[in-house]
Amino acid sequence: LPGAPDKISFFLSLGSGILFLVYYYFS
C-alpha cells in the first residue's frame, strides 16, 4: 500500500488484501 502509484492501485490492494485476510481467518 505505501508504494501504490495512485488511488486506484491503493484501493485495489487494500480491498483484495482485506478479502485475503477474511479468507485466511475463516479457513
mmCIF file of all heavy atoms, coordinates in Angstrom:
data_MODEL
# 
_entry.id   MODEL 
# 
loop_
_atom_site.group_PDB 
_atom_site.id 
_atom_site.type_symbol 
_atom_site.label_atom_id 
_atom_site.label_alt_id 
_atom_site.label_comp_id 
_atom_site.label_asym_id 
_atom_site.label_entity_id 
_atom_site.label_seq_id 
_atom_site.pdbx_PDB_ins_code 
_atom_site.Cartn_x 
_atom_site.Cartn_y 
_atom_site.Cartn_z 
_atom_site.occupancy 
_atom_site.B_iso_or_equiv 
_atom_site.pdbx_formal_charge 
_atom_site.auth_seq_id 
_atom_site.auth_comp_id 
_atom_site.auth_asym_id 
_atom_site.auth_atom_id 
_atom_site.pdbx_PDB_model_num 
ATOM 1   N N   . LEU A 1 1  ? 0.809   -1.229  0.000   1.00 0.00 ? 1  LEU A N   1 
ATOM 2   C CA  . LEU A 1 1  ? 0.000   0.000   0.000   1.00 0.00 ? 1  LEU A CA  1 
ATOM 3   C C   . LEU A 1 1  ? 0.839   1.275   0.000   1.00 0.00 ? 1  LEU A C   1 
ATOM 4   O O   . LEU A 1 1  ? 0.517   2.223   -0.737  1.00 0.00 ? 1  LEU A O   1 
ATOM 5   C CB  . LEU A 1 1  ? -0.958  -0.002  1.203   1.00 0.00 ? 1  LEU A CB  1 
ATOM 6   C CG  . LEU A 1 1  ? -2.109  -1.016  1.146   1.00 0.00 ? 1  LEU A CG  1 
ATOM 7   C CD1 . LEU A 1 1  ? -2.924  -0.963  2.436   1.00 0.00 ? 1  LEU A CD1 1 
ATOM 8   C CD2 . LEU A 1 1  ? -3.005  -0.741  -0.051  1.00 0.00 ? 1  LEU A CD2 1 
ATOM 9   N N   . PRO A 1 2  ? 1.921   1.335   0.816   1.00 0.00 ? 2  PRO A N   1 
ATOM 10  C CA  . PRO A 1 2  ? 2.697   2.597   0.811   1.00 0.00 ? 2  PRO A CA  1 
ATOM 11  C C   . PRO A 1 2  ? 3.297   2.929   -0.559  1.00 0.00 ? 2  PRO A C   1 
ATOM 12  O O   . PRO A 1 2  ? 3.524   4.101   -0.860  1.00 0.00 ? 2  PRO A O   1 
ATOM 13  C CB  . PRO A 1 2  ? 3.798   2.331   1.847   1.00 0.00 ? 2  PRO A CB  1 
ATOM 14  C CG  . PRO A 1 2  ? 3.228   1.279   2.745   1.00 0.00 ? 2  PRO A CG  1 
ATOM 15  C CD  . PRO A 1 2  ? 2.412   0.410   1.845   1.00 0.00 ? 2  PRO A CD  1 
ATOM 16  N N   . GLY A 1 3  ? 3.552   1.920   -1.370  1.00 0.00 ? 3  GLY A N   1 
ATOM 17  C CA  . GLY A 1 3  ? 4.163   2.168   -2.668  1.00 0.00 ? 3  GLY A CA  1 
ATOM 18  C C   . GLY A 1 3  ? 3.171   2.253   -3.811  1.00 0.00 ? 3  GLY A C   1 
ATOM 19  O O   . GLY A 1 3  ? 3.586   2.281   -4.985  1.00 0.00 ? 3  GLY A O   1 
ATOM 20  N N   . ALA A 1 4  ? 1.881   2.264   -3.507  1.00 0.00 ? 4  ALA A N   1 
ATOM 21  C CA  . ALA A 1 4  ? 0.863   2.323   -4.559  1.00 0.00 ? 4  ALA A CA  1 
ATOM 22  C C   . ALA A 1 4  ? 1.015   3.618   -5.351  1.00 0.00 ? 4  ALA A C   1 
ATOM 23  O O   . ALA A 1 4  ? 1.078   4.719   -4.768  1.00 0.00 ? 4  ALA A O   1 
ATOM 24  C CB  . ALA A 1 4  ? -0.529  2.231   -3.954  1.00 0.00 ? 4  ALA A CB  1 
ATOM 25  N N   . PRO A 1 5  ? 1.052   3.540   -6.691  1.00 0.00 ? 5  PRO A N   1 
ATOM 26  C CA  . PRO A 1 5  ? 1.304   4.747   -7.502  1.00 0.00 ? 5  PRO A CA  1 
ATOM 27  C C   . PRO A 1 5  ? 0.113   5.699   -7.577  1.00 0.00 ? 5  PRO A C   1 
ATOM 28  O O   . PRO A 1 5  ? 0.285   6.867   -7.882  1.00 0.00 ? 5  PRO A O   1 
ATOM 29  C CB  . PRO A 1 5  ? 1.626   4.173   -8.880  1.00 0.00 ? 5  PRO A CB  1 
ATOM 30  C CG  . PRO A 1 5  ? 0.930   2.850   -8.916  1.00 0.00 ? 5  PRO A CG  1 
ATOM 31  C CD  . PRO A 1 5  ? 0.974   2.344   -7.520  1.00 0.00 ? 5  PRO A CD  1 
ATOM 32  N N   . ASP A 1 6  ? -1.102  5.206   -7.300  1.00 0.00 ? 6  ASP A N   1 
ATOM 33  C CA  . ASP A 1 6  ? -2.288  6.061   -7.406  1.00 0.00 ? 6  ASP A CA  1 
ATOM 34  C C   . ASP A 1 6  ? -3.396  5.492   -6.533  1.00 0.00 ? 6  ASP A C   1 
ATOM 35  O O   . ASP A 1 6  ? -3.266  4.416   -5.934  1.00 0.00 ? 6  ASP A O   1 
ATOM 36  C CB  . ASP A 1 6  ? -2.744  6.168   -8.862  1.00 0.00 ? 6  ASP A CB  1 
ATOM 37  C CG  . ASP A 1 6  ? -2.859  4.805   -9.524  1.00 0.00 ? 6  ASP A CG  1 
ATOM 38  O OD1 . ASP A 1 6  ? -3.559  3.936   -8.972  1.00 0.00 ? 6  ASP A OD1 1 
ATOM 39  O OD2 . ASP A 1 6  ? -2.219  4.600   -10.583 1.00 0.00 ? 6  ASP A OD2 1 
ATOM 40  N N   . LYS A 1 7  ? -4.523  6.204   -6.498  1.00 0.00 ? 7  LYS A N   1 
ATOM 41  C CA  . LYS A 1 7  ? -5.647  5.788   -5.655  1.00 0.00 ? 7  LYS A CA  1 
ATOM 42  C C   . LYS A 1 7  ? -6.251  4.473   -6.119  1.00 0.00 ? 7  LYS A C   1 
ATOM 43  O O   . LYS A 1 7  ? -6.681  3.656   -5.303  1.00 0.00 ? 7  LYS A O   1 
ATOM 44  C CB  . LYS A 1 7  ? -6.707  6.881   -5.642  1.00 0.00 ? 7  LYS A CB  1 
ATOM 45  C CG  . LYS A 1 7  ? -6.304  8.122   -4.872  1.00 0.00 ? 7  LYS A CG  1 
ATOM 46  C CD  . LYS A 1 7  ? -7.452  9.118   -4.823  1.00 0.00 ? 7  LYS A CD  1 
ATOM 47  C CE  . LYS A 1 7  ? -7.062  10.357  -4.010  1.00 0.00 ? 7  LYS A CE  1 
ATOM 48  N NZ  . LYS A 1 7  ? -8.182  11.346  -3.966  1.00 0.00 ? 7  LYS A NZ  1 
ATOM 49  N N   . ILE A 1 8  ? -6.326  4.272   -7.444  1.00 0.00 ? 8  ILE A N   1 
ATOM 50  C CA  . ILE A 1 8  ? -6.913  3.033   -7.954  1.00 0.00 ? 8  ILE A CA  1 
ATOM 51  C C   . ILE A 1 8  ? -6.128  1.828   -7.461  1.00 0.00 ? 8  ILE A C   1 
ATOM 52  O O   . ILE A 1 8  ? -6.694  0.864   -6.938  1.00 0.00 ? 8  ILE A O   1 
ATOM 53  C CB  . ILE A 1 8  ? -6.974  3.059   -9.494  1.00 0.00 ? 8  ILE A CB  1 
ATOM 54  C CG1 . ILE A 1 8  ? -7.903  4.180   -9.970  1.00 0.00 ? 8  ILE A CG1 1 
ATOM 55  C CG2 . ILE A 1 8  ? -7.436  1.708   -10.033 1.00 0.00 ? 8  ILE A CG2 1 
ATOM 56  C CD1 . ILE A 1 8  ? -7.949  4.331   -11.479 1.00 0.00 ? 8  ILE A CD1 1 
ATOM 57  N N   . SER A 1 9  ? -4.808  1.874   -7.618  1.00 0.00 ? 9  SER A N   1 
ATOM 58  C CA  . SER A 1 9  ? -3.952  0.769   -7.164  1.00 0.00 ? 9  SER A CA  1 
ATOM 59  C C   . SER A 1 9  ? -4.038  0.610   -5.656  1.00 0.00 ? 9  SER A C   1 
ATOM 60  O O   . SER A 1 9  ? -4.039  -0.512  -5.125  1.00 0.00 ? 9  SER A O   1 
ATOM 61  C CB  . SER A 1 9  ? -2.501  1.009   -7.581  1.00 0.00 ? 9  SER A CB  1 
ATOM 62  O OG  . SER A 1 9  ? -2.380  1.056   -8.986  1.00 0.00 ? 9  SER A OG  1 
ATOM 63  N N   . PHE A 1 10 ? -4.116  1.744   -4.942  1.00 0.00 ? 10 PHE A N   1 
ATOM 64  C CA  . PHE A 1 10 ? -4.192  1.700   -3.471  1.00 0.00 ? 10 PHE A CA  1 
ATOM 65  C C   . PHE A 1 10 ? -5.440  0.945   -3.025  1.00 0.00 ? 10 PHE A C   1 
ATOM 66  O O   . PHE A 1 10 ? -5.365  0.037   -2.188  1.00 0.00 ? 10 PHE A O   1 
ATOM 67  C CB  . PHE A 1 10 ? -4.191  3.122   -2.915  1.00 0.00 ? 10 PHE A CB  1 
ATOM 68  C CG  . PHE A 1 10 ? -4.305  3.181   -1.417  1.00 0.00 ? 10 PHE A CG  1 
ATOM 69  C CD1 . PHE A 1 10 ? -3.170  3.108   -0.615  1.00 0.00 ? 10 PHE A CD1 1 
ATOM 70  C CD2 . PHE A 1 10 ? -5.545  3.292   -0.789  1.00 0.00 ? 10 PHE A CD2 1 
ATOM 71  C CE1 . PHE A 1 10 ? -3.275  3.147   0.770   1.00 0.00 ? 10 PHE A CE1 1 
ATOM 72  C CE2 . PHE A 1 10 ? -5.662  3.328   0.601   1.00 0.00 ? 10 PHE A CE2 1 
ATOM 73  C CZ  . PHE A 1 10 ? -4.516  3.252   1.376   1.00 0.00 ? 10 PHE A CZ  1 
ATOM 74  N N   . PHE A 1 11 ? -6.598  1.330   -3.567  1.00 0.00 ? 11 PHE A N   1 
ATOM 75  C CA  . PHE A 1 11 ? -7.833  0.706   -3.132  1.00 0.00 ? 11 PHE A CA  1 
ATOM 76  C C   . PHE A 1 11 ? -7.978  -0.733  -3.629  1.00 0.00 ? 11 PHE A C   1 
ATOM 77  O O   . PHE A 1 11 ? -8.595  -1.567  -2.962  1.00 0.00 ? 11 PHE A O   1 
ATOM 78  C CB  . PHE A 1 11 ? -9.035  1.557   -3.555  1.00 0.00 ? 11 PHE A CB  1 
ATOM 79  C CG  . PHE A 1 11 ? -9.201  2.798   -2.726  1.00 0.00 ? 11 PHE A CG  1 
ATOM 80  C CD1 . PHE A 1 11 ? -8.973  4.049   -3.261  1.00 0.00 ? 11 PHE A CD1 1 
ATOM 81  C CD2 . PHE A 1 11 ? -9.545  2.694   -1.390  1.00 0.00 ? 11 PHE A CD2 1 
ATOM 82  C CE1 . PHE A 1 11 ? -9.107  5.188   -2.480  1.00 0.00 ? 11 PHE A CE1 1 
ATOM 83  C CE2 . PHE A 1 11 ? -9.695  3.836   -0.597  1.00 0.00 ? 11 PHE A CE2 1 
ATOM 84  C CZ  . PHE A 1 11 ? -9.459  5.088   -1.140  1.00 0.00 ? 11 PHE A CZ  1 
ATOM 85  N N   . LEU A 1 12 ? -7.397  -1.042  -4.797  1.00 0.00 ? 12 LEU A N   1 
ATOM 86  C CA  . LEU A 1 12 ? -7.382  -2.432  -5.259  1.00 0.00 ? 12 LEU A CA  1 
ATOM 87  C C   . LEU A 1 12 ? -6.599  -3.317  -4.292  1.00 0.00 ? 12 LEU A C   1 
ATOM 88  O O   . LEU A 1 12 ? -7.050  -4.404  -3.899  1.00 0.00 ? 12 LEU A O   1 
ATOM 89  C CB  . LEU A 1 12 ? -6.750  -2.525  -6.654  1.00 0.00 ? 12 LEU A CB  1 
ATOM 90  C CG  . LEU A 1 12 ? -7.651  -2.334  -7.870  1.00 0.00 ? 12 LEU A CG  1 
ATOM 91  C CD1 . LEU A 1 12 ? -6.812  -2.316  -9.147  1.00 0.00 ? 12 LEU A CD1 1 
ATOM 92  C CD2 . LEU A 1 12 ? -8.702  -3.433  -7.949  1.00 0.00 ? 12 LEU A CD2 1 
ATOM 93  N N   . SER A 1 13 ? -5.420  -2.836  -3.899  1.00 0.00 ? 13 SER A N   1 
ATOM 94  C CA  . SER A 1 13 ? -4.584  -3.613  -2.969  1.00 0.00 ? 13 SER A CA  1 
ATOM 95  C C   . SER A 1 13 ? -5.238  -3.699  -1.601  1.00 0.00 ? 13 SER A C   1 
ATOM 96  O O   . SER A 1 13 ? -5.213  -4.752  -0.947  1.00 0.00 ? 13 SER A O   1 
ATOM 97  C CB  . SER A 1 13 ? -3.199  -2.969  -2.847  1.00 0.00 ? 13 SER A CB  1 
ATOM 98  O OG  . SER A 1 13 ? -2.517  -3.000  -4.082  1.00 0.00 ? 13 SER A OG  1 
ATOM 99  N N   . LEU A 1 14 ? -5.837  -2.593  -1.139  1.00 0.00 ? 14 LEU A N   1 
ATOM 100 C CA  . LEU A 1 14 ? -6.484  -2.588  0.170   1.00 0.00 ? 14 LEU A CA  1 
ATOM 101 C C   . LEU A 1 14 ? -7.672  -3.549  0.213   1.00 0.00 ? 14 LEU A C   1 
ATOM 102 O O   . LEU A 1 14 ? -7.787  -4.382  1.121   1.00 0.00 ? 14 LEU A O   1 
ATOM 103 C CB  . LEU A 1 14 ? -6.953  -1.176  0.513   1.00 0.00 ? 14 LEU A CB  1 
ATOM 104 C CG  . LEU A 1 14 ? -7.721  -1.021  1.841   1.00 0.00 ? 14 LEU A CG  1 
ATOM 105 C CD1 . LEU A 1 14 ? -6.819  -1.389  3.013   1.00 0.00 ? 14 LEU A CD1 1 
ATOM 106 C CD2 . LEU A 1 14 ? -8.268  0.400   1.984   1.00 0.00 ? 14 LEU A CD2 1 
ATOM 107 N N   . GLY A 1 15 ? -8.538  -3.454  -0.800  1.00 0.00 ? 15 GLY A N   1 
ATOM 108 C CA  . GLY A 1 15 ? -9.726  -4.311  -0.818  1.00 0.00 ? 15 GLY A CA  1 
ATOM 109 C C   . GLY A 1 15 ? -9.380  -5.780  -0.929  1.00 0.00 ? 15 GLY A C   1 
ATOM 110 O O   . GLY A 1 15 ? -9.925  -6.626  -0.183  1.00 0.00 ? 15 GLY A O   1 
ATOM 111 N N   . SER A 1 16 ? -8.473  -6.115  -1.851  1.00 0.00 ? 16 SER A N   1 
ATOM 112 C CA  . SER A 1 16 ? -8.103  -7.529  -2.019  1.00 0.00 ? 16 SER A CA  1 
ATOM 113 C C   . SER A 1 16 ? -7.348  -8.050  -0.806  1.00 0.00 ? 16 SER A C   1 
ATOM 114 O O   . SER A 1 16 ? -7.528  -9.192  -0.386  1.00 0.00 ? 16 SER A O   1 
ATOM 115 C CB  . SER A 1 16 ? -7.267  -7.713  -3.286  1.00 0.00 ? 16 SER A CB  1 
ATOM 116 O OG  . SER A 1 16 ? -6.090  -6.912  -3.226  1.00 0.00 ? 16 SER A OG  1 
ATOM 117 N N   . GLY A 1 17 ? -6.507  -7.200  -0.202  1.00 0.00 ? 17 GLY A N   1 
ATOM 118 C CA  . GLY A 1 17 ? -5.767  -7.624  0.992   1.00 0.00 ? 17 GLY A CA  1 
ATOM 119 C C   . GLY A 1 17 ? -6.691  -7.961  2.133   1.00 0.00 ? 17 GLY A C   1 
ATOM 120 O O   . GLY A 1 17 ? -6.487  -8.957  2.845   1.00 0.00 ? 17 GLY A O   1 
ATOM 121 N N   . ILE A 1 18 ? -7.733  -7.136  2.317   1.00 0.00 ? 18 ILE A N   1 
ATOM 122 C CA  . ILE A 1 18 ? -8.714  -7.408  3.375   1.00 0.00 ? 18 ILE A CA  1 
ATOM 123 C C   . ILE A 1 18 ? -9.461  -8.709  3.088   1.00 0.00 ? 18 ILE A C   1 
ATOM 124 O O   . ILE A 1 18 ? -9.702  -9.530  3.989   1.00 0.00 ? 18 ILE A O   1 
ATOM 125 C CB  . ILE A 1 18 ? -9.693  -6.228  3.514   1.00 0.00 ? 18 ILE A CB  1 
ATOM 126 C CG1 . ILE A 1 18 ? -8.957  -5.000  4.068   1.00 0.00 ? 18 ILE A CG1 1 
ATOM 127 C CG2 . ILE A 1 18 ? -10.869 -6.598  4.417   1.00 0.00 ? 18 ILE A CG2 1 
ATOM 128 C CD1 . ILE A 1 18 ? -9.793  -3.740  4.092   1.00 0.00 ? 18 ILE A CD1 1 
ATOM 129 N N   . LEU A 1 19 ? -9.837  -8.917  1.821   1.00 0.00 ? 19 LEU A N   1 
ATOM 130 C CA  . LEU A 1 19 ? -10.534 -10.157 1.458   1.00 0.00 ? 19 LEU A CA  1 
ATOM 131 C C   . LEU A 1 19 ? -9.662  -11.381 1.741   1.00 0.00 ? 19 LEU A C   1 
ATOM 132 O O   . LEU A 1 19 ? -10.145 -12.393 2.274   1.00 0.00 ? 19 LEU A O   1 
ATOM 133 C CB  . LEU A 1 19 ? -10.932 -10.130 -0.018  1.00 0.00 ? 19 LEU A CB  1 
ATOM 134 C CG  . LEU A 1 19 ? -12.158 -9.291  -0.373  1.00 0.00 ? 19 LEU A CG  1 
ATOM 135 C CD1 . LEU A 1 19 ? -12.354 -9.260  -1.891  1.00 0.00 ? 19 LEU A CD1 1 
ATOM 136 C CD2 . LEU A 1 19 ? -13.409 -9.845  0.301   1.00 0.00 ? 19 LEU A CD2 1 
ATOM 137 N N   . PHE A 1 20 ? -8.379  -11.288 1.412   1.00 0.00 ? 20 PHE A N   1 
ATOM 138 C CA  . PHE A 1 20 ? -7.478  -12.415 1.670   1.00 0.00 ? 20 PHE A CA  1 
ATOM 139 C C   . PHE A 1 20 ? -7.361  -12.693 3.170   1.00 0.00 ? 20 PHE A C   1 
ATOM 140 O O   . PHE A 1 20 ? -7.281  -13.857 3.588   1.00 0.00 ? 20 PHE A O   1 
ATOM 141 C CB  . PHE A 1 20 ? -6.097  -12.157 1.074   1.00 0.00 ? 20 PHE A CB  1 
ATOM 142 C CG  . PHE A 1 20 ? -6.038  -12.254 -0.421  1.00 0.00 ? 20 PHE A CG  1 
ATOM 143 C CD1 . PHE A 1 20 ? -5.449  -11.256 -1.180  1.00 0.00 ? 20 PHE A CD1 1 
ATOM 144 C CD2 . PHE A 1 20 ? -6.592  -13.339 -1.075  1.00 0.00 ? 20 PHE A CD2 1 
ATOM 145 C CE1 . PHE A 1 20 ? -5.397  -11.350 -2.555  1.00 0.00 ? 20 PHE A CE1 1 
ATOM 146 C CE2 . PHE A 1 20 ? -6.557  -13.444 -2.452  1.00 0.00 ? 20 PHE A CE2 1 
ATOM 147 C CZ  . PHE A 1 20 ? -5.959  -12.440 -3.203  1.00 0.00 ? 20 PHE A CZ  1 
ATOM 148 N N   . LEU A 1 21 ? -7.348  -11.640 3.977   1.00 0.00 ? 21 LEU A N   1 
ATOM 149 C CA  . LEU A 1 21 ? -7.320  -11.826 5.425   1.00 0.00 ? 21 LEU A CA  1 
ATOM 150 C C   . LEU A 1 21 ? -8.592  -12.518 5.911   1.00 0.00 ? 21 LEU A C   1 
ATOM 151 O O   . LEU A 1 21 ? -8.544  -13.379 6.802   1.00 0.00 ? 21 LEU A O   1 
ATOM 152 C CB  . LEU A 1 21 ? -7.161  -10.474 6.133   1.00 0.00 ? 21 LEU A CB  1 
ATOM 153 C CG  . LEU A 1 21 ? -5.745  -9.930  6.309   1.00 0.00 ? 21 LEU A CG  1 
ATOM 154 C CD1 . LEU A 1 21 ? -5.793  -8.594  7.045   1.00 0.00 ? 21 LEU A CD1 1 
ATOM 155 C CD2 . LEU A 1 21 ? -4.853  -10.909 7.054   1.00 0.00 ? 21 LEU A CD2 1 
ATOM 156 N N   . VAL A 1 22 ? -9.735  -12.131 5.334   1.00 0.00 ? 22 VAL A N   1 
ATOM 157 C CA  . VAL A 1 22 ? -11.008 -12.769 5.692   1.00 0.00 ? 22 VAL A CA  1 
ATOM 158 C C   . VAL A 1 22 ? -10.972 -14.243 5.332   1.00 0.00 ? 22 VAL A C   1 
ATOM 159 O O   . VAL A 1 22 ? -11.379 -15.107 6.122   1.00 0.00 ? 22 VAL A O   1 
ATOM 160 C CB  . VAL A 1 22 ? -12.189 -12.061 4.994   1.00 0.00 ? 22 VAL A CB  1 
ATOM 161 C CG1 . VAL A 1 22 ? -13.477 -12.863 5.176   1.00 0.00 ? 22 VAL A CG1 1 
ATOM 162 C CG2 . VAL A 1 22 ? -12.367 -10.657 5.542   1.00 0.00 ? 22 VAL A CG2 1 
ATOM 163 N N   . TYR A 1 23 ? -10.457 -14.558 4.120   1.00 0.00 ? 23 TYR A N   1 
ATOM 164 C CA  . TYR A 1 23 ? -10.360 -15.961 3.701   1.00 0.00 ? 23 TYR A CA  1 
ATOM 165 C C   . TYR A 1 23 ? -9.447  -16.738 4.647   1.00 0.00 ? 23 TYR A C   1 
ATOM 166 O O   . TYR A 1 23 ? -9.745  -17.878 5.022   1.00 0.00 ? 23 TYR A O   1 
ATOM 167 C CB  . TYR A 1 23 ? -9.825  -16.065 2.273   1.00 0.00 ? 23 TYR A CB  1 
ATOM 168 C CG  . TYR A 1 23 ? -10.687 -15.383 1.232   1.00 0.00 ? 23 TYR A CG  1 
ATOM 169 C CD1 . TYR A 1 23 ? -10.125 -14.870 0.071   1.00 0.00 ? 23 TYR A CD1 1 
ATOM 170 C CD2 . TYR A 1 23 ? -12.058 -15.247 1.414   1.00 0.00 ? 23 TYR A CD2 1 
ATOM 171 C CE1 . TYR A 1 23 ? -10.907 -14.241 -0.891  1.00 0.00 ? 23 TYR A CE1 1 
ATOM 172 C CE2 . TYR A 1 23 ? -12.851 -14.632 0.460   1.00 0.00 ? 23 TYR A CE2 1 
ATOM 173 C CZ  . TYR A 1 23 ? -12.265 -14.123 -0.687  1.00 0.00 ? 23 TYR A CZ  1 
ATOM 174 O OH  . TYR A 1 23 ? -13.035 -13.500 -1.628  1.00 0.00 ? 23 TYR A OH  1 
ATOM 175 N N   . TYR A 1 24 ? -8.326  -16.124 5.030   1.00 0.00 ? 24 TYR A N   1 
ATOM 176 C CA  . TYR A 1 24 ? -7.396  -16.792 5.933   1.00 0.00 ? 24 TYR A CA  1 
ATOM 177 C C   . TYR A 1 24 ? -8.072  -17.074 7.274   1.00 0.00 ? 24 TYR A C   1 
ATOM 178 O O   . TYR A 1 24 ? -7.950  -18.172 7.830   1.00 0.00 ? 24 TYR A O   1 
ATOM 179 C CB  . TYR A 1 24 ? -6.146  -15.935 6.150   1.00 0.00 ? 24 TYR A CB  1 
ATOM 180 C CG  . TYR A 1 24 ? -5.247  -16.461 7.240   1.00 0.00 ? 24 TYR A CG  1 
ATOM 181 C CD1 . TYR A 1 24 ? -4.419  -17.550 7.003   1.00 0.00 ? 24 TYR A CD1 1 
ATOM 182 C CD2 . TYR A 1 24 ? -5.243  -15.887 8.512   1.00 0.00 ? 24 TYR A CD2 1 
ATOM 183 C CE1 . TYR A 1 24 ? -3.597  -18.056 8.008   1.00 0.00 ? 24 TYR A CE1 1 
ATOM 184 C CE2 . TYR A 1 24 ? -4.435  -16.380 9.516   1.00 0.00 ? 24 TYR A CE2 1 
ATOM 185 C CZ  . TYR A 1 24 ? -3.610  -17.471 9.263   1.00 0.00 ? 24 TYR A CZ  1 
ATOM 186 O OH  . TYR A 1 24 ? -2.809  -17.972 10.266  1.00 0.00 ? 24 TYR A OH  1 
ATOM 187 N N   . TYR A 1 25 ? -8.791  -16.087 7.793   1.00 0.00 ? 25 TYR A N   1 
ATOM 188 C CA  . TYR A 1 25 ? -9.447  -16.250 9.095   1.00 0.00 ? 25 TYR A CA  1 
ATOM 189 C C   . TYR A 1 25 ? -10.439 -17.413 9.059   1.00 0.00 ? 25 TYR A C   1 
ATOM 190 O O   . TYR A 1 25 ? -10.404 -18.290 9.931   1.00 0.00 ? 25 TYR A O   1 
ATOM 191 C CB  . TYR A 1 25 ? -10.162 -14.957 9.495   1.00 0.00 ? 25 TYR A CB  1 
ATOM 192 C CG  . TYR A 1 25 ? -11.043 -15.119 10.716  1.00 0.00 ? 25 TYR A CG  1 
ATOM 193 C CD1 . TYR A 1 25 ? -10.504 -15.136 12.001  1.00 0.00 ? 25 TYR A CD1 1 
ATOM 194 C CD2 . TYR A 1 25 ? -12.426 -15.287 10.577  1.00 0.00 ? 25 TYR A CD2 1 
ATOM 195 C CE1 . TYR A 1 25 ? -11.308 -15.314 13.114  1.00 0.00 ? 25 TYR A CE1 1 
ATOM 196 C CE2 . TYR A 1 25 ? -13.242 -15.464 11.696  1.00 0.00 ? 25 TYR A CE2 1 
ATOM 197 C CZ  . TYR A 1 25 ? -12.671 -15.488 12.953  1.00 0.00 ? 25 TYR A CZ  1 
ATOM 198 O OH  . TYR A 1 25 ? -13.469 -15.681 14.056  1.00 0.00 ? 25 TYR A OH  1 
ATOM 199 N N   . PHE A 1 26 ? -11.329 -17.411 8.074   1.00 0.00 ? 26 PHE A N   1 
ATOM 200 C CA  . PHE A 1 26 ? -12.353 -18.460 8.031   1.00 0.00 ? 26 PHE A CA  1 
ATOM 201 C C   . PHE A 1 26 ? -11.760 -19.827 7.699   1.00 0.00 ? 26 PHE A C   1 
ATOM 202 O O   . PHE A 1 26 ? -12.280 -20.852 8.126   1.00 0.00 ? 26 PHE A O   1 
ATOM 203 C CB  . PHE A 1 26 ? -13.451 -18.088 7.029   1.00 0.00 ? 26 PHE A CB  1 
ATOM 204 C CG  . PHE A 1 26 ? -14.435 -17.097 7.564   1.00 0.00 ? 26 PHE A CG  1 
ATOM 205 C CD1 . PHE A 1 26 ? -14.339 -15.758 7.217   1.00 0.00 ? 26 PHE A CD1 1 
ATOM 206 C CD2 . PHE A 1 26 ? -15.425 -17.482 8.448   1.00 0.00 ? 26 PHE A CD2 1 
ATOM 207 C CE1 . PHE A 1 26 ? -15.238 -14.832 7.724   1.00 0.00 ? 26 PHE A CE1 1 
ATOM 208 C CE2 . PHE A 1 26 ? -16.328 -16.570 8.960   1.00 0.00 ? 26 PHE A CE2 1 
ATOM 209 C CZ  . PHE A 1 26 ? -16.235 -15.229 8.599   1.00 0.00 ? 26 PHE A CZ  1 
ATOM 210 N N   . SER A 1 27 ? -10.667 -19.847 6.960   1.00 0.00 ? 27 SER A N   1 
ATOM 211 C CA  . SER A 1 27 ? -10.019 -21.120 6.653   1.00 0.00 ? 27 SER A CA  1 
ATOM 212 C C   . SER A 1 27 ? -9.253  -21.648 7.856   1.00 0.00 ? 27 SER A C   1 
ATOM 213 O O   . SER A 1 27 ? -9.375  -22.821 8.219   1.00 0.00 ? 27 SER A O   1 
ATOM 214 C CB  . SER A 1 27 ? -9.071  -20.947 5.465   1.00 0.00 ? 27 SER A CB  1 
ATOM 215 O OG  . SER A 1 27 ? -8.325  -22.125 5.241   1.00 0.00 ? 27 SER A OG  1 
# 
